[in-house]
Amino acid sequence: MLSESDQHSDAAGSLKMQCVYCSKVYSGGVGRIRSHLLGNNGMKKCKDAPNDVIRCITLRTLSYREHLTKTAGKLKNETTC
């Protein structure tokens, strides 16, 4: 979704990323852009992002959260020596 030309660093070395749909630049990483696209964490939702992109990101996020929940449950049940 982001090419190298969409990633920028300022003089202090902090990462800045640009939304490929609306061209807004945000400080931070992929999570910040994901929040912008989905309208999460108090960020304004990108009006220019296609619905299929939003749906794909939402499904991947939910799938990843399920994976973390299942993995955490397995680790709790394991015994260590």
N, C-alpha and C. Protein backbone atom coordinates (compact mmCIF):
# COMPACT_ATOMS: atom_id res chain seq x y z
N MET A 1 0.82 -1.18 0.00
CA MET A 1 0.00 0.00 0.00
C MET A 1 0.87 1.25 0.00
N LEU A 2 2.00 1.21 0.69
CA LEU A 2 2.90 2.36 0.72
C LEU A 2 4.18 2.00 0.00
N SER A 3 4.58 2.84 -0.91
CA SER A 3 5.86 2.63 -1.57
C SER A 3 6.92 3.40 -0.80
N GLU A 4 8.18 3.16 -1.13
CA GLU A 4 9.25 3.88 -0.44
C GLU A 4 9.13 5.38 -0.63
N SER A 5 8.59 5.81 -1.76
CA SER A 5 8.44 7.24 -1.99
C SER A 5 7.36 7.86 -1.11
N ASP A 6 6.52 7.04 -0.50
CA ASP A 6 5.47 7.53 0.39
C ASP A 6 5.94 7.61 1.84
N GLN A 7 7.18 7.16 2.11
CA GLN A 7 7.73 7.22 3.45
C GLN A 7 8.77 8.32 3.50
N HIS A 8 8.72 9.15 4.53
CA HIS A 8 9.62 10.28 4.65
C HIS A 8 10.18 10.32 6.07
N SER A 9 11.35 10.92 6.24
CA SER A 9 11.89 11.18 7.57
C SER A 9 12.19 12.66 7.66
N ASP A 10 11.91 13.24 8.83
CA ASP A 10 12.25 14.65 9.01
C ASP A 10 13.67 14.74 9.57
N ALA A 11 14.13 15.94 9.87
CA ALA A 11 15.49 16.16 10.33
C ALA A 11 15.77 15.42 11.64
N ALA A 12 14.77 15.25 12.48
CA ALA A 12 14.94 14.55 13.76
C ALA A 12 14.94 13.04 13.58
N GLY A 13 14.65 12.56 12.39
CA GLY A 13 14.66 11.13 12.12
C GLY A 13 13.35 10.43 12.37
N SER A 14 12.30 11.17 12.75
CA SER A 14 11.01 10.51 12.97
C SER A 14 10.36 10.19 11.63
N LEU A 15 9.73 9.04 11.58
CA LEU A 15 9.13 8.56 10.34
C LEU A 15 7.84 9.30 10.03
N LYS A 16 7.69 9.69 8.79
CA LYS A 16 6.46 10.31 8.32
C LYS A 16 5.98 9.49 7.13
N MET A 17 4.68 9.22 7.11
CA MET A 17 4.11 8.43 6.02
C MET A 17 2.97 9.21 5.39
N GLN A 18 2.81 9.01 4.09
CA GLN A 18 1.79 9.73 3.33
C GLN A 18 0.73 8.75 2.84
N CYS A 19 -0.53 9.09 3.07
CA CYS A 19 -1.64 8.28 2.59
C CYS A 19 -1.67 8.36 1.06
N VAL A 20 -1.73 7.21 0.42
CA VAL A 20 -1.71 7.18 -1.05
C VAL A 20 -3.06 7.60 -1.64
N TYR A 21 -4.09 7.69 -0.81
CA TYR A 21 -5.42 8.05 -1.31
C TYR A 21 -5.73 9.54 -1.17
N CYS A 22 -5.36 10.15 -0.04
CA CYS A 22 -5.69 11.56 0.16
C CYS A 22 -4.45 12.45 0.26
N SER A 23 -3.27 11.86 0.26
CA SER A 23 -1.98 12.57 0.29
C SER A 23 -1.67 13.28 1.61
N LYS A 24 -2.43 13.01 2.67
CA LYS A 24 -2.09 13.60 3.97
C LYS A 24 -0.86 12.89 4.53
N VAL A 25 -0.01 13.66 5.19
CA VAL A 25 1.21 13.12 5.78
C VAL A 25 1.02 12.99 7.28
N TYR A 26 1.40 11.82 7.84
CA TYR A 26 1.26 11.55 9.26
C TYR A 26 2.60 11.13 9.84
N SER A 27 2.86 11.57 11.06
CA SER A 27 4.03 11.09 11.79
C SER A 27 3.70 9.72 12.36
N GLY A 28 4.65 8.82 12.30
CA GLY A 28 4.43 7.49 12.84
C GLY A 28 4.55 6.45 11.76
N GLY A 29 4.14 5.25 12.09
CA GLY A 29 4.31 4.14 11.18
C GLY A 29 3.02 3.65 10.56
N VAL A 30 3.02 2.38 10.25
CA VAL A 30 1.91 1.75 9.56
C VAL A 30 0.63 1.81 10.39
N GLY A 31 0.77 1.66 11.69
CA GLY A 31 -0.41 1.71 12.57
C GLY A 31 -1.14 3.04 12.48
N ARG A 32 -0.39 4.11 12.33
CA ARG A 32 -1.01 5.43 12.22
C ARG A 32 -1.79 5.54 10.91
N ILE A 33 -1.23 5.04 9.82
CA ILE A 33 -1.92 5.08 8.53
C ILE A 33 -3.15 4.18 8.58
N ARG A 34 -3.02 3.00 9.20
CA ARG A 34 -4.16 2.10 9.33
C ARG A 34 -5.29 2.78 10.11
N SER A 35 -4.94 3.47 11.21
CA SER A 35 -5.94 4.19 11.99
C SER A 35 -6.61 5.29 11.17
N HIS A 36 -5.84 5.95 10.33
CA HIS A 36 -6.38 6.99 9.44
C HIS A 36 -7.36 6.38 8.44
N LEU A 37 -6.98 5.26 7.83
CA LEU A 37 -7.85 4.63 6.83
C LEU A 37 -9.15 4.12 7.45
N LEU A 38 -9.07 3.59 8.68
CA LEU A 38 -10.25 3.03 9.34
C LEU A 38 -11.01 4.04 10.19
N GLY A 39 -10.37 5.16 10.50
CA GLY A 39 -11.01 6.14 11.37
C GLY A 39 -10.98 5.70 12.82
N ASN A 40 -9.94 4.97 13.22
CA ASN A 40 -9.79 4.48 14.59
C ASN A 40 -8.96 5.45 15.42
N ASN A 41 -8.97 5.21 16.74
CA ASN A 41 -8.11 5.93 17.68
C ASN A 41 -8.23 7.44 17.58
N GLY A 42 -9.43 7.92 17.34
CA GLY A 42 -9.68 9.36 17.29
C GLY A 42 -9.19 10.05 16.03
N MET A 43 -8.75 9.28 15.04
CA MET A 43 -8.27 9.88 13.80
C MET A 43 -9.41 10.02 12.81
N LYS A 44 -9.33 11.05 12.00
CA LYS A 44 -10.34 11.29 10.98
C LYS A 44 -10.19 10.25 9.86
N LYS A 45 -11.29 9.63 9.50
CA LYS A 45 -11.28 8.57 8.48
C LYS A 45 -10.98 9.16 7.10
N CYS A 46 -10.18 8.44 6.33
CA CYS A 46 -9.85 8.86 4.97
C CYS A 46 -11.10 8.72 4.09
N LYS A 47 -11.51 9.82 3.50
CA LYS A 47 -12.70 9.82 2.65
C LYS A 47 -12.42 9.27 1.26
N ASP A 48 -11.14 9.24 0.88
CA ASP A 48 -10.79 8.84 -0.48
C ASP A 48 -10.42 7.36 -0.63
N ALA A 49 -10.29 6.65 0.47
CA ALA A 49 -9.90 5.24 0.41
C ALA A 49 -11.08 4.41 -0.11
N PRO A 50 -10.82 3.50 -1.06
CA PRO A 50 -11.89 2.65 -1.61
C PRO A 50 -12.45 1.70 -0.54
N ASN A 51 -13.71 1.37 -0.66
CA ASN A 51 -14.38 0.49 0.30
C ASN A 51 -13.73 -0.89 0.38
N ASP A 52 -13.24 -1.42 -0.75
CA ASP A 52 -12.61 -2.74 -0.71
C ASP A 52 -11.31 -2.72 0.10
N VAL A 53 -10.60 -1.61 0.09
CA VAL A 53 -9.38 -1.47 0.88
C VAL A 53 -9.73 -1.44 2.36
N ILE A 54 -10.75 -0.66 2.71
CA ILE A 54 -11.19 -0.56 4.10
C ILE A 54 -11.64 -1.94 4.61
N ARG A 55 -12.40 -2.65 3.79
CA ARG A 55 -12.88 -3.98 4.17
C ARG A 55 -11.71 -4.94 4.38
N CYS A 56 -10.74 -4.91 3.50
CA CYS A 56 -9.58 -5.80 3.60
C CYS A 56 -8.79 -5.51 4.88
N ILE A 57 -8.54 -4.25 5.17
CA ILE A 57 -7.79 -3.88 6.38
C ILE A 57 -8.56 -4.30 7.62
N THR A 58 -9.87 -4.10 7.62
CA THR A 58 -10.70 -4.47 8.76
C THR A 58 -10.64 -5.98 9.00
N LEU A 59 -10.79 -6.78 7.94
CA LEU A 59 -10.74 -8.24 8.08
C LEU A 59 -9.39 -8.72 8.56
N ARG A 60 -8.32 -8.12 8.04
CA ARG A 60 -6.97 -8.52 8.47
C ARG A 60 -6.74 -8.17 9.93
N THR A 61 -7.22 -7.02 10.36
CA THR A 61 -7.06 -6.60 11.75
C THR A 61 -7.82 -7.54 12.67
N LEU A 62 -9.05 -7.88 12.31
CA LEU A 62 -9.84 -8.80 13.14
C LEU A 62 -9.20 -10.19 13.18
N SER A 63 -8.70 -10.65 12.05
CA SER A 63 -8.05 -11.95 11.98
C SER A 63 -6.80 -11.98 12.86
N TYR A 64 -6.03 -10.91 12.84
CA TYR A 64 -4.82 -10.82 13.64
C TYR A 64 -5.16 -10.81 15.14
N ARG A 65 -6.21 -10.09 15.51
CA ARG A 65 -6.63 -10.05 16.91
C ARG A 65 -7.09 -11.42 17.39
N GLU A 66 -7.80 -12.16 16.53
CA GLU A 66 -8.22 -13.53 16.87
C GLU A 66 -7.00 -14.41 17.09
N HIS A 67 -6.02 -14.28 16.21
CA HIS A 67 -4.79 -15.06 16.32
C HIS A 67 -4.10 -14.77 17.65
N LEU A 68 -4.01 -13.50 18.03
CA LEU A 68 -3.36 -13.15 19.30
C LEU A 68 -4.11 -13.73 20.48
N THR A 69 -5.44 -13.69 20.43
CA THR A 69 -6.26 -14.23 21.51
C THR A 69 -6.05 -15.73 21.66
N LYS A 70 -6.05 -16.46 20.54
CA LYS A 70 -5.85 -17.91 20.57
C LYS A 70 -4.45 -18.25 21.07
N THR A 71 -3.46 -17.52 20.62
CA THR A 71 -2.07 -17.78 21.02
C THR A 71 -1.89 -17.51 22.50
N ALA A 72 -2.48 -16.44 23.02
CA ALA A 72 -2.36 -16.11 24.43
C ALA A 72 -3.00 -17.20 25.28
N GLY A 73 -4.13 -17.75 24.84
CA GLY A 73 -4.78 -18.83 25.57
C GLY A 73 -3.93 -20.09 25.62
N LYS A 74 -3.27 -20.42 24.53
CA LYS A 74 -2.42 -21.60 24.49
C LYS A 74 -1.22 -21.44 25.41
N LEU A 75 -0.64 -20.25 25.42
CA LEU A 75 0.52 -20.01 26.26
C LEU A 75 0.18 -20.10 27.75
N LYS A 76 -1.01 -19.69 28.15
CA LYS A 76 -1.43 -19.77 29.54
C LYS A 76 -1.55 -21.22 29.99
N ASN A 77 -2.00 -22.09 29.09
CA ASN A 77 -2.24 -23.49 29.45
C ASN A 77 -0.98 -24.34 29.45
N GLU A 78 0.12 -23.84 28.90
CA GLU A 78 1.36 -24.60 28.86
C GLU A 78 2.05 -24.53 30.22
N THR A 79 2.67 -25.62 30.59
CA THR A 79 3.44 -25.62 31.83
C THR A 79 4.91 -25.54 31.48
N THR A 80 5.67 -24.93 32.35
CA THR A 80 7.10 -24.81 32.13
C THR A 80 7.83 -25.58 33.22
N CYS A 81 9.03 -26.03 32.93
CA CYS A 81 9.84 -26.80 33.90
C CYS A 81 10.64 -25.88 34.78
